[in-house]
Protein backbone atom coordinates (compact mmCIF):
# COMPACT_ATOMS: atom_id res chain seq x y z
CA MET A 1 108.64 118.72 104.26
CA LYS A 2 110.25 115.58 105.56
CA LYS A 3 113.80 114.57 104.72
CA ILE A 4 113.81 113.71 101.03
CA TYR A 5 116.11 113.45 98.02
CA THR A 6 115.11 114.91 94.66
CA PHE A 7 116.68 115.02 91.20
CA LYS A 8 117.63 118.15 89.28
CA ASN A 9 116.30 116.90 85.95
CA LEU A 10 112.85 115.87 87.20
CA SER A 11 112.52 118.90 89.48
CA LYS A 12 112.40 121.13 86.39
CA GLU A 13 109.34 119.35 85.04
CA GLN A 14 105.92 120.77 85.91
CA LYS A 15 103.94 117.75 84.73
CA CYS A 16 105.42 115.30 87.23
CA ILE A 17 106.36 115.18 90.89
CA HIS A 18 108.88 112.88 92.51
CA LEU A 19 110.87 112.22 95.65
CA VAL A 20 112.99 109.64 97.45
CA THR A 21 112.37 109.24 101.17
CA GLN A 22 115.04 109.07 103.85
CA LYS A 23 115.25 107.68 107.37
CA GLU A 24 113.82 109.67 110.25
CA LYS A 25 114.87 108.20 113.56
CA GLN A 26 112.08 109.84 115.55
CA LYS A 27 109.37 108.17 113.43
CA PRO A 28 108.18 104.57 113.84
CA PHE A 29 110.76 102.14 112.48
CA SER A 30 112.89 105.09 111.33
CA PHE A 31 110.18 106.00 108.81
CA SER A 32 110.22 102.68 107.00
CA LEU A 33 107.44 102.53 104.42
CA ALA A 34 107.33 98.75 103.86
CA LEU A 35 104.27 96.70 104.76
CA HIS A 36 105.84 93.37 103.79
CA THR A 37 108.63 93.21 106.40
CA GLN A 38 106.62 92.32 109.51
CA GLU A 39 106.63 95.68 111.29
CA ASN A 40 103.38 96.83 112.87
CA PRO A 41 101.20 97.65 109.83
CA SER A 42 99.39 100.49 111.61
CA ASP A 43 102.70 102.27 112.20
CA ILE A 44 103.77 101.86 108.56
CA ILE A 45 100.42 103.13 107.33
CA LYS A 46 100.80 106.08 109.69
CA ASN A 47 104.18 106.80 108.10
CA ARG A 48 102.63 106.54 104.64
CA SER A 49 99.75 108.83 105.61
CA PHE A 50 102.13 111.79 105.53
CA PHE A 51 102.11 111.56 101.74
CA ASN A 52 98.31 111.43 101.61
CA GLN A 53 98.36 114.77 103.41
CA LYS A 54 101.15 116.16 101.26
CA PHE A 55 99.57 115.02 97.98
CA PRO A 56 95.84 114.75 98.77
CA THR A 57 94.74 114.32 95.15
CA MET A 58 97.16 111.49 94.35
CA SER A 59 96.47 107.75 94.31
CA PHE A 60 99.49 105.68 95.38
CA VAL A 61 100.39 102.42 93.67
CA VAL A 62 102.69 99.84 95.27
CA ALA A 63 103.98 96.68 93.57
CA ASN A 64 104.55 93.26 95.08
CA GLN A 65 108.22 93.23 94.06
CA THR A 66 109.66 89.80 93.24
CA HIS A 67 113.08 90.53 91.65
CA SER A 68 111.52 89.76 88.28
CA ALA A 69 111.60 91.52 84.93
CA ASN A 70 107.80 91.78 84.93
CA ILE A 71 106.30 95.12 83.94
CA LYS A 72 102.71 96.20 84.59
CA ILE A 73 100.70 99.08 83.13
CA VAL A 74 98.59 101.04 85.61
CA THR A 75 95.37 102.00 83.79
CA LYS A 76 93.20 103.39 86.58
CA LYS A 77 93.48 106.19 89.11
CA GLU A 78 93.19 104.11 92.26
CA SER A 79 95.46 103.32 95.17
CA ARG A 80 96.83 99.79 95.28
CA GLY A 81 98.93 98.21 98.00
CA TRP A 82 98.97 101.47 99.95
CA LYS A 83 97.01 100.40 103.02
CA ASP A 84 97.33 96.63 102.66
CA LEU A 85 99.50 94.05 100.92
CA GLU A 86 96.62 92.24 99.25
CA SER A 87 95.76 94.99 96.78
CA ALA A 88 99.34 95.59 95.58
CA VAL A 89 100.10 95.06 91.90
CA SER A 90 101.11 91.41 91.83
CA ASP A 91 104.48 89.97 90.83
CA CYS A 92 106.19 92.87 89.10
CA ASP A 93 109.17 95.14 89.45
CA ALA A 94 108.31 97.97 87.07
CA LEU A 95 105.19 100.13 86.76
CA ILE A 96 104.16 102.43 83.90
CA THR A 97 101.23 104.83 83.61
CA LYS A 98 99.84 107.78 81.71
CA GLN A 99 97.13 108.36 84.32
CA LYS A 100 97.25 111.77 85.93
CA GLY A 101 96.89 111.77 89.70
CA VAL A 102 98.75 108.46 90.09
CA MET A 103 101.96 108.10 92.12
CA LEU A 104 104.05 105.05 91.25
CA THR A 105 106.29 103.75 94.04
CA ILE A 106 109.19 101.35 94.62
CA LEU A 107 110.58 100.14 97.96
CA THR A 108 114.31 99.45 98.32
CA ALA A 109 117.17 99.00 100.76
CA ASP A 110 120.17 98.65 98.38
CA CYS A 111 118.60 97.68 95.04
CA VAL A 112 118.45 100.29 92.28
CA PRO A 113 115.29 102.42 91.93
CA ILE A 114 114.94 104.15 88.55
CA LEU A 115 112.43 106.91 87.78
CA LEU A 116 111.43 107.57 84.15
CA PHE A 117 109.47 110.44 82.58
CA ASP A 118 108.59 110.83 78.91
CA LYS A 119 108.27 114.59 78.60
CA LYS A 120 106.49 114.54 75.23
CA GLU A 121 103.92 111.78 75.73
CA GLU A 122 103.63 112.45 79.49
CA ILE A 123 104.28 108.90 80.59
CA ILE A 124 105.95 107.91 83.86
CA ALA A 125 107.53 104.66 84.98
CA ILE A 126 109.39 103.35 88.00
CA VAL A 127 111.74 100.37 88.11
CA HIS A 128 113.19 98.15 90.84
CA ALA A 129 116.49 96.68 89.66
CA GLY A 130 118.38 94.33 91.93
CA TRP A 131 121.09 92.19 90.38
CA ARG A 132 118.53 89.71 89.07
CA GLY A 133 116.37 92.38 87.48
CA THR A 134 119.46 94.06 86.09
CA LYS A 135 120.65 90.73 84.66
CA ASP A 136 117.28 90.45 82.93
CA LYS A 137 117.56 94.07 81.68
CA ILE A 138 114.38 95.26 83.34
CA VAL A 139 115.03 98.96 82.73
CA TYR A 140 115.76 98.31 79.05
CA LYS A 141 112.55 96.28 78.79
CA THR A 142 110.60 99.05 80.53
CA ILE A 143 111.72 101.56 77.89
CA GLU A 144 110.73 99.05 75.20
CA LYS A 145 107.29 98.67 76.81
CA MET A 146 106.86 102.45 76.91
CA LYS A 147 107.65 102.52 73.17
CA GLU A 148 105.30 99.64 72.40
CA VAL A 149 102.29 100.75 74.43
CA PHE A 150 102.58 104.54 74.47
CA ASN A 151 104.69 105.36 71.43
CA SER A 152 107.44 106.83 73.59
CA ASN A 153 110.62 108.03 71.93
CA PRO A 154 113.62 107.26 74.19
CA HIS A 155 115.12 110.64 73.28
CA ASP A 156 112.22 112.28 75.15
CA ILE A 157 112.72 110.24 78.34
CA LEU A 158 114.38 111.57 81.48
CA ALA A 159 115.91 108.87 83.70
CA SER A 160 116.91 109.26 87.34
CA ILE A 161 118.84 106.57 89.21
CA ALA A 162 118.10 106.87 92.92
CA PRO A 163 120.29 105.98 95.94
CA SER A 164 121.38 102.34 95.92
CA ILE A 165 124.36 100.28 96.95
CA GLY A 166 127.49 101.34 95.07
CA LYS A 167 130.50 99.55 93.68
CA CYS A 168 132.37 100.65 96.79
CA CYS A 169 130.28 98.32 98.96
CA TYR A 170 128.58 95.70 96.76
CA GLU A 171 130.82 92.65 96.97
CA VAL A 172 129.54 89.64 95.03
CA ASP A 173 130.72 86.20 93.96
CA TRP A 174 131.63 85.38 90.37
CA SER A 175 128.32 83.52 90.08
CA VAL A 176 126.67 86.97 90.11
CA ALA A 177 129.34 89.07 88.41
CA GLN A 178 129.63 86.72 85.43
CA HIS A 179 126.26 87.87 84.15
CA PHE A 180 127.72 91.32 83.48
CA GLN A 181 131.12 90.43 82.02
CA ASP A 182 130.12 91.81 78.60
CA ILE A 183 129.79 95.33 80.09
CA LYS A 184 133.13 97.11 80.42
CA GLY A 185 133.49 98.59 83.90
CA ALA A 186 130.61 96.62 85.41
CA TYR A 187 132.78 95.41 88.28
CA GLU A 188 136.25 95.45 89.76
CA HIS A 189 138.08 92.46 91.18
CA ARG A 190 138.84 92.40 94.90
CA GLY A 191 140.68 89.20 95.62
CA GLU A 192 138.35 86.35 94.76
CA LYS A 193 135.33 88.66 94.91
CA GLN A 194 133.97 91.30 92.55
CA MET A 195 132.70 94.77 93.40
CA LEU A 196 129.60 95.17 91.25
CA ASP A 197 128.38 98.57 90.02
CA LEU A 198 124.62 98.18 89.58
CA PRO A 199 123.82 101.89 89.06
CA TYR A 200 126.42 102.07 86.28
CA ILE A 201 125.13 98.89 84.61
CA ASN A 202 121.59 100.29 84.59
CA ARG A 203 122.91 103.51 83.09
CA VAL A 204 124.51 101.45 80.31
CA GLN A 205 121.21 99.68 79.71
CA LEU A 206 119.37 103.02 79.53
CA LEU A 207 121.85 104.17 76.89
CA GLN A 208 121.35 100.91 75.00
CA ALA A 209 117.60 101.56 75.09
CA GLY A 210 118.16 104.93 73.40
CA VAL A 211 117.96 107.34 76.34
CA GLU A 212 120.35 110.24 75.83
CA SER A 213 123.33 110.50 78.16
CA ASP A 214 122.45 114.08 79.16
CA ASN A 215 118.98 112.88 80.20
CA ILE A 216 120.30 110.36 82.73
CA GLU A 217 120.96 111.60 86.27
CA LEU A 218 122.58 109.46 88.94
CA SER A 219 122.31 110.29 92.62
CA ASN A 220 125.81 108.85 93.18
CA ILE A 221 124.66 108.01 96.71
CA CYS A 222 125.59 104.60 98.13
CA THR A 223 122.99 103.36 100.59
CA ALA A 224 125.58 101.35 102.52
CA CYS A 225 127.89 104.35 102.86
CA GLU A 226 125.01 106.65 103.85
CA VAL A 227 123.18 104.26 106.13
CA GLU A 228 122.29 107.15 108.44
CA ASN A 229 119.91 108.39 105.73
CA TYR A 230 118.96 105.23 103.80
CA PHE A 231 118.11 101.68 104.71
CA SER A 232 120.80 99.23 103.57
CA TYR A 233 120.05 95.52 103.72
CA ARG A 234 123.72 94.64 103.41
CA GLU A 235 125.20 97.24 105.75
CA GLU A 236 122.54 96.63 108.39
CA ASN A 237 122.82 92.85 108.20
CA GLY A 238 119.38 92.20 106.78
CA CYS A 239 117.42 95.24 107.93
CA SER A 240 113.65 95.14 107.57
CA GLY A 241 113.23 98.85 106.80
CA ARG A 242 112.70 100.18 103.28
CA PHE A 243 112.73 103.69 101.85
CA MET A 244 110.46 104.64 98.97
CA SER A 245 111.07 106.25 95.59
CA MET A 246 108.00 107.73 93.90
CA ILE A 247 106.99 109.57 90.76
CA GLY A 248 103.56 110.90 89.81
CA LEU A 249 101.77 112.72 86.99
CA VAL A 250 99.92 115.94 87.73
């Protein structure tokens, strides 16, 4: 298996599979999996093809991420956005499905990927939460959508917060930090700047949505600190590479 990160909580579940990819320097573009960042598409598709071989029965779904709070339900077992940009799920930053054989994916290079699994109803979701999506409470709204559409009970949901930029490295202006001033511990002051803790804020929003504390697992990996393993837009001065988080129902 390639270099990957997995979560303890989700790894215990037999009804879903998941992983977070890492850089591999010997692969094209260090094993970036993004088609939207102008690298040679044939090389990116070659990188992605590893997962077709690893999970031959799965259909892979990619979103056209727009830093929104838009949530889409995947209702069919079909690949979208996997071999081209045109077929990606348009204008959304969270995907939900109950379809077996579907792998939901999110591409990031500092933003917060969140994997969700309702153990009772067998529903999965994946969320892309940058500061704008976090401001708009996208993970909270995703839980609400799971309740509305699939009758999910938040107490049955496992949540995993994947590698993303940490408070140690995410320096922002007050124009960004002010949106989170009602959350104690959301940031620390560093001179005239603030060090924003996006993984922590999303954990708070999961708790507010009713997910139990013991069911939330954080990687506690900062992409900027561990740039050898993860793409970091900030640390790499606007890198074009992206790693992928994915979760599927089997």
